């Protein structure tokens, strides 16, 4: 699975509301935990975050989500179904604040894509 495939699937997901918050590991985990039923009901579901941009470093362009938004950090968080090649649930996060160092490091290591197990 590559970031471009997920970005393309997100484009077809529909409208995603952009949440303007400080992006922290705690907030990311809370959102996944609140949707634990998705993994319980679908063994093919993969939890992910995909960075459009972090601290102005561009990773992948996520069409139709962040069009012309000025924030320095823009991430899509969601669940992706490998078998159906679709996004099950997602939200967009945008912030002008610096995200957690762990968020920065994980996305740098994964070229913008982080898979959570």
N, C-alpha and C. Protein backbone atom coordinates (compact mmCIF):
# COMPACT_ATOMS: atom_id res chain seq x y z
N UNK A 1 0.84 -1.17 0.00
CA UNK A 1 0.00 0.00 0.00
C UNK A 1 0.89 1.23 0.00
N UNK A 2 0.59 2.15 -0.88
CA UNK A 2 1.42 3.35 -0.97
C UNK A 2 0.57 4.60 -0.73
N UNK A 3 1.21 5.71 -0.38
CA UNK A 3 0.47 6.94 -0.08
C UNK A 3 -0.38 7.44 -1.24
N UNK A 4 0.07 7.27 -2.46
CA UNK A 4 -0.68 7.77 -3.62
C UNK A 4 -1.99 7.01 -3.76
N UNK A 5 -1.98 5.70 -3.52
CA UNK A 5 -3.20 4.90 -3.60
C UNK A 5 -4.22 5.38 -2.58
N UNK A 6 -3.76 5.60 -1.35
CA UNK A 6 -4.68 6.08 -0.31
C UNK A 6 -5.18 7.49 -0.66
N UNK A 7 -4.30 8.35 -1.14
CA UNK A 7 -4.70 9.71 -1.51
C UNK A 7 -5.78 9.67 -2.58
N UNK A 8 -5.64 8.77 -3.55
CA UNK A 8 -6.64 8.65 -4.61
C UNK A 8 -7.96 8.14 -4.04
N UNK A 9 -7.90 7.17 -3.13
CA UNK A 9 -9.12 6.65 -2.51
C UNK A 9 -9.81 7.73 -1.69
N UNK A 10 -9.06 8.58 -1.04
CA UNK A 10 -9.65 9.66 -0.25
C UNK A 10 -10.39 10.63 -1.16
N UNK A 11 -9.87 10.86 -2.34
CA UNK A 11 -10.51 11.78 -3.29
C UNK A 11 -11.93 11.31 -3.62
N UNK A 12 -12.16 10.01 -3.61
CA UNK A 12 -13.47 9.46 -3.92
C UNK A 12 -14.33 9.23 -2.68
N UNK A 13 -13.77 9.47 -1.50
CA UNK A 13 -14.48 9.25 -0.24
C UNK A 13 -15.62 10.24 -0.06
N UNK A 14 -15.48 11.40 -0.62
CA UNK A 14 -16.50 12.44 -0.46
C UNK A 14 -15.96 13.58 0.39
N UNK A 15 -16.85 14.39 0.87
CA UNK A 15 -16.45 15.56 1.63
C UNK A 15 -15.92 15.14 3.00
N UNK A 16 -14.77 15.66 3.33
CA UNK A 16 -14.19 15.44 4.65
C UNK A 16 -14.06 16.80 5.31
N UNK A 17 -14.64 16.94 6.48
CA UNK A 17 -14.54 18.20 7.21
C UNK A 17 -13.15 18.31 7.80
N UNK A 18 -12.54 19.45 7.67
CA UNK A 18 -11.20 19.68 8.19
C UNK A 18 -11.29 20.18 9.63
N UNK A 19 -10.70 19.44 10.56
CA UNK A 19 -10.65 19.84 11.96
C UNK A 19 -9.37 20.64 12.20
N UNK A 20 -9.51 21.83 12.73
CA UNK A 20 -8.36 22.68 13.02
C UNK A 20 -7.97 22.48 14.48
N UNK A 21 -6.97 21.63 14.72
CA UNK A 21 -6.54 21.32 16.08
C UNK A 21 -5.02 21.18 16.11
N UNK A 22 -4.47 21.19 17.31
CA UNK A 22 -3.07 20.83 17.45
C UNK A 22 -2.97 19.32 17.31
N UNK A 23 -2.13 18.86 16.43
CA UNK A 23 -2.05 17.44 16.11
C UNK A 23 -1.08 16.76 17.07
N UNK A 24 -1.64 15.86 17.88
CA UNK A 24 -0.85 15.13 18.87
C UNK A 24 -1.10 13.63 18.72
N UNK A 25 -0.18 12.84 19.21
CA UNK A 25 -0.33 11.39 19.18
C UNK A 25 -1.57 11.00 19.98
N UNK A 26 -1.79 11.67 21.10
CA UNK A 26 -2.94 11.36 21.95
C UNK A 26 -4.25 11.55 21.18
N UNK A 27 -4.38 12.65 20.45
CA UNK A 27 -5.60 12.90 19.67
C UNK A 27 -5.78 11.86 18.57
N UNK A 28 -4.69 11.48 17.92
CA UNK A 28 -4.75 10.46 16.88
C UNK A 28 -5.24 9.14 17.46
N UNK A 29 -4.65 8.71 18.58
CA UNK A 29 -5.05 7.45 19.20
C UNK A 29 -6.49 7.49 19.72
N UNK A 30 -6.91 8.61 20.27
CA UNK A 30 -8.29 8.72 20.77
C UNK A 30 -9.30 8.53 19.65
N UNK A 31 -9.03 9.10 18.49
CA UNK A 31 -9.94 8.96 17.36
C UNK A 31 -10.02 7.50 16.91
N UNK A 32 -8.86 6.84 16.81
CA UNK A 32 -8.87 5.42 16.43
C UNK A 32 -9.61 4.58 17.47
N UNK A 33 -9.34 4.81 18.74
CA UNK A 33 -9.98 4.03 19.80
C UNK A 33 -11.49 4.22 19.80
N UNK A 34 -11.97 5.44 19.53
CA UNK A 34 -13.40 5.71 19.48
C UNK A 34 -14.08 4.95 18.34
N UNK A 35 -13.31 4.51 17.37
CA UNK A 35 -13.83 3.77 16.22
C UNK A 35 -13.33 2.33 16.19
N UNK A 36 -13.08 1.78 17.34
CA UNK A 36 -12.56 0.42 17.46
C UNK A 36 -13.44 -0.63 16.80
N UNK A 37 -14.73 -0.34 16.70
CA UNK A 37 -15.65 -1.29 16.07
C UNK A 37 -15.28 -1.55 14.61
N UNK A 38 -14.66 -0.57 13.96
CA UNK A 38 -14.30 -0.74 12.54
C UNK A 38 -13.33 -1.90 12.38
N UNK A 39 -12.28 -1.94 13.19
CA UNK A 39 -11.32 -3.06 13.12
C UNK A 39 -11.98 -4.36 13.57
N UNK A 40 -12.86 -4.29 14.56
CA UNK A 40 -13.53 -5.50 15.05
C UNK A 40 -14.44 -6.11 13.98
N UNK A 41 -15.07 -5.26 13.17
CA UNK A 41 -16.00 -5.73 12.15
C UNK A 41 -15.34 -6.01 10.79
N UNK A 42 -14.13 -5.50 10.58
CA UNK A 42 -13.48 -5.63 9.27
C UNK A 42 -11.99 -5.93 9.46
N UNK A 43 -11.64 -7.17 9.29
CA UNK A 43 -10.24 -7.57 9.49
C UNK A 43 -9.30 -6.98 8.44
N UNK A 44 -9.85 -6.51 7.31
CA UNK A 44 -9.04 -5.91 6.25
C UNK A 44 -8.81 -4.41 6.47
N UNK A 45 -9.41 -3.85 7.51
CA UNK A 45 -9.27 -2.41 7.77
C UNK A 45 -7.90 -2.10 8.35
N UNK A 46 -7.27 -1.10 7.79
CA UNK A 46 -5.97 -0.64 8.26
C UNK A 46 -6.11 0.80 8.76
N UNK A 47 -5.63 1.03 9.98
CA UNK A 47 -5.64 2.39 10.52
C UNK A 47 -4.41 3.12 9.98
N UNK A 48 -4.61 4.36 9.52
CA UNK A 48 -3.49 5.09 8.92
C UNK A 48 -3.59 6.59 9.19
N UNK A 49 -2.47 7.25 9.06
CA UNK A 49 -2.44 8.70 8.89
C UNK A 49 -1.59 8.97 7.65
N UNK A 50 -2.05 9.91 6.85
CA UNK A 50 -1.36 10.27 5.62
C UNK A 50 -1.11 11.77 5.65
N UNK A 51 0.16 12.14 5.59
CA UNK A 51 0.52 13.56 5.64
C UNK A 51 0.49 14.17 4.26
N UNK A 52 -0.34 15.17 4.10
CA UNK A 52 -0.29 16.01 2.92
C UNK A 52 0.93 16.92 3.09
N UNK A 53 1.04 17.47 4.30
CA UNK A 53 2.16 18.37 4.62
C UNK A 53 2.37 18.36 6.14
N UNK A 54 3.64 18.39 6.56
CA UNK A 54 3.98 18.54 7.97
C UNK A 54 5.06 19.59 8.08
N UNK A 55 4.78 20.63 8.88
CA UNK A 55 5.72 21.75 9.05
C UNK A 55 6.20 22.28 7.69
N UNK A 56 5.28 22.40 6.77
CA UNK A 56 5.53 22.89 5.41
C UNK A 56 6.34 21.94 4.53
N UNK A 57 6.62 20.74 5.00
CA UNK A 57 7.26 19.74 4.13
C UNK A 57 6.14 18.97 3.44
N UNK A 58 6.10 19.05 2.12
CA UNK A 58 5.05 18.40 1.33
C UNK A 58 5.38 16.92 1.16
N UNK A 59 4.40 16.06 1.42
CA UNK A 59 4.56 14.62 1.23
C UNK A 59 3.79 14.14 0.01
N UNK A 60 2.46 14.24 0.07
CA UNK A 60 1.61 13.81 -1.03
C UNK A 60 0.42 14.78 -1.07
N UNK A 61 -0.05 15.08 -2.25
CA UNK A 61 -1.20 15.97 -2.34
C UNK A 61 -2.48 15.15 -2.26
N UNK A 62 -3.32 15.51 -1.29
CA UNK A 62 -4.59 14.84 -1.11
C UNK A 62 -5.66 15.71 -1.77
N UNK A 63 -6.06 15.31 -2.95
CA UNK A 63 -7.00 16.11 -3.76
C UNK A 63 -8.35 16.26 -3.08
N UNK A 64 -8.91 17.43 -3.20
CA UNK A 64 -10.26 17.68 -2.73
C UNK A 64 -10.44 17.83 -1.24
N UNK A 65 -9.37 17.75 -0.49
CA UNK A 65 -9.49 17.85 0.97
C UNK A 65 -8.93 19.18 1.47
N UNK A 66 -7.71 19.49 1.09
CA UNK A 66 -7.03 20.66 1.63
C UNK A 66 -6.85 21.78 0.61
N UNK A 67 -7.58 21.76 -0.46
CA UNK A 67 -7.40 22.73 -1.54
C UNK A 67 -7.15 24.14 -1.02
N UNK A 68 -5.95 24.65 -1.28
CA UNK A 68 -5.55 26.02 -0.96
C UNK A 68 -5.63 26.39 0.51
N UNK A 69 -5.60 25.44 1.40
CA UNK A 69 -5.59 25.75 2.84
C UNK A 69 -4.16 26.13 3.21
N UNK A 70 -4.00 27.13 4.08
CA UNK A 70 -2.67 27.65 4.38
C UNK A 70 -1.92 26.96 5.52
N UNK A 71 -2.58 26.08 6.27
CA UNK A 71 -1.95 25.51 7.46
C UNK A 71 -0.63 24.79 7.12
N UNK A 72 0.31 24.86 8.05
CA UNK A 72 1.64 24.25 7.86
C UNK A 72 1.59 22.73 7.93
N UNK A 73 0.62 22.19 8.68
CA UNK A 73 0.51 20.75 8.83
C UNK A 73 -0.89 20.32 8.46
N UNK A 74 -0.97 19.32 7.54
CA UNK A 74 -2.26 18.81 7.08
C UNK A 74 -2.15 17.29 6.95
N UNK A 75 -2.99 16.60 7.70
CA UNK A 75 -2.95 15.13 7.76
C UNK A 75 -4.36 14.58 7.61
N UNK A 76 -4.49 13.46 6.89
CA UNK A 76 -5.74 12.72 6.86
C UNK A 76 -5.54 11.48 7.72
N UNK A 77 -6.50 11.25 8.59
CA UNK A 77 -6.49 10.07 9.46
C UNK A 77 -7.68 9.22 9.10
N UNK A 78 -7.49 7.91 9.03
CA UNK A 78 -8.63 7.10 8.67
C UNK A 78 -8.40 5.60 8.73
N UNK A 79 -9.40 4.91 8.22
CA UNK A 79 -9.35 3.45 8.08
C UNK A 79 -9.51 3.14 6.60
N UNK A 80 -8.65 2.27 6.11
CA UNK A 80 -8.61 1.90 4.69
C UNK A 80 -8.85 0.41 4.57
N UNK A 81 -9.75 0.00 3.68
CA UNK A 81 -10.05 -1.41 3.45
C UNK A 81 -9.19 -1.91 2.29
N UNK A 82 -8.23 -2.76 2.60
CA UNK A 82 -7.31 -3.28 1.59
C UNK A 82 -8.03 -4.08 0.50
N UNK A 83 -8.98 -4.89 0.91
CA UNK A 83 -9.68 -5.77 -0.04
C UNK A 83 -10.52 -4.98 -1.04
N UNK A 84 -11.23 -3.96 -0.55
CA UNK A 84 -12.12 -3.17 -1.41
C UNK A 84 -11.46 -1.92 -2.00
N UNK A 85 -10.23 -1.62 -1.52
CA UNK A 85 -9.50 -0.45 -1.99
C UNK A 85 -10.31 0.84 -1.76
N UNK A 86 -10.89 0.94 -0.55
CA UNK A 86 -11.71 2.10 -0.22
C UNK A 86 -11.38 2.62 1.18
N UNK A 87 -11.68 3.87 1.39
CA UNK A 87 -11.56 4.47 2.72
C UNK A 87 -12.89 4.24 3.42
N UNK A 88 -12.83 3.67 4.62
CA UNK A 88 -14.04 3.37 5.39
C UNK A 88 -14.51 4.59 6.17
N UNK A 89 -13.59 5.23 6.84
CA UNK A 89 -13.89 6.42 7.65
C UNK A 89 -12.63 7.27 7.68
N UNK A 90 -12.80 8.57 7.69
CA UNK A 90 -11.62 9.44 7.69
C UNK A 90 -11.97 10.82 8.22
N UNK A 91 -10.94 11.50 8.67
CA UNK A 91 -11.08 12.91 9.03
C UNK A 91 -9.80 13.62 8.62
N UNK A 92 -9.93 14.90 8.35
CA UNK A 92 -8.77 15.71 7.97
C UNK A 92 -8.40 16.60 9.14
N UNK A 93 -7.11 16.68 9.41
CA UNK A 93 -6.59 17.51 10.50
C UNK A 93 -5.68 18.57 9.90
N UNK A 94 -5.84 19.79 10.33
CA UNK A 94 -4.99 20.88 9.85
C UNK A 94 -4.61 21.75 11.03
N UNK A 95 -3.37 22.22 11.01
CA UNK A 95 -2.89 23.05 12.11
C UNK A 95 -1.73 23.91 11.66
N UNK A 96 -1.69 25.11 12.22
CA UNK A 96 -0.51 25.97 12.02
C UNK A 96 0.46 25.80 13.17
N UNK A 97 0.04 25.08 14.22
CA UNK A 97 0.92 24.76 15.34
C UNK A 97 1.83 23.60 14.97
N UNK A 98 2.96 23.52 15.63
CA UNK A 98 3.89 22.41 15.40
C UNK A 98 3.30 21.15 16.03
N UNK A 99 3.21 20.04 15.28
CA UNK A 99 2.69 18.79 15.85
C UNK A 99 3.70 18.15 16.79
N UNK A 100 3.24 17.13 17.52
CA UNK A 100 4.14 16.36 18.38
C UNK A 100 5.36 15.90 17.59
N UNK A 101 6.49 15.83 18.26
CA UNK A 101 7.72 15.33 17.63
C UNK A 101 7.53 13.91 17.11
N UNK A 102 6.77 13.10 17.83
CA UNK A 102 6.54 11.72 17.40
C UNK A 102 5.76 11.68 16.08
N UNK A 103 4.80 12.56 15.93
CA UNK A 103 4.05 12.65 14.67
C UNK A 103 5.00 13.02 13.52
N UNK A 104 5.85 14.00 13.77
CA UNK A 104 6.82 14.44 12.75
C UNK A 104 7.75 13.28 12.39
N UNK A 105 8.31 12.62 13.38
CA UNK A 105 9.28 11.54 13.15
C UNK A 105 8.65 10.35 12.42
N UNK A 106 7.46 9.94 12.85
CA UNK A 106 6.80 8.80 12.22
C UNK A 106 6.50 9.06 10.74
N UNK A 107 6.01 10.23 10.44
CA UNK A 107 5.67 10.54 9.05
C UNK A 107 6.91 10.74 8.19
N UNK A 108 7.96 11.27 8.77
CA UNK A 108 9.22 11.41 8.03
C UNK A 108 9.77 10.02 7.68
N UNK A 109 9.71 9.12 8.65
CA UNK A 109 10.22 7.75 8.43
C UNK A 109 9.39 7.01 7.38
N UNK A 110 8.07 7.25 7.37
CA UNK A 110 7.19 6.54 6.44
C UNK A 110 6.89 7.30 5.16
N UNK A 111 7.69 8.33 4.85
CA UNK A 111 7.45 9.16 3.66
C UNK A 111 6.02 9.69 3.61
N UNK A 112 5.51 10.07 4.77
CA UNK A 112 4.18 10.66 4.86
C UNK A 112 3.08 9.71 5.27
N UNK A 113 3.33 8.41 5.25
CA UNK A 113 2.31 7.42 5.58
C UNK A 113 2.71 6.64 6.84
N UNK A 114 1.77 6.57 7.79
CA UNK A 114 1.97 5.77 9.01
C UNK A 114 0.81 4.81 9.12
N UNK A 115 1.14 3.52 9.32
CA UNK A 115 0.14 2.48 9.54
C UNK A 115 0.18 2.12 11.02
N UNK A 116 -1.00 2.08 11.64
CA UNK A 116 -1.10 1.79 13.07
C UNK A 116 -1.65 0.38 13.24
N UNK A 117 -1.00 -0.39 14.10
CA UNK A 117 -1.45 -1.78 14.34
C UNK A 117 -1.96 -1.95 15.74
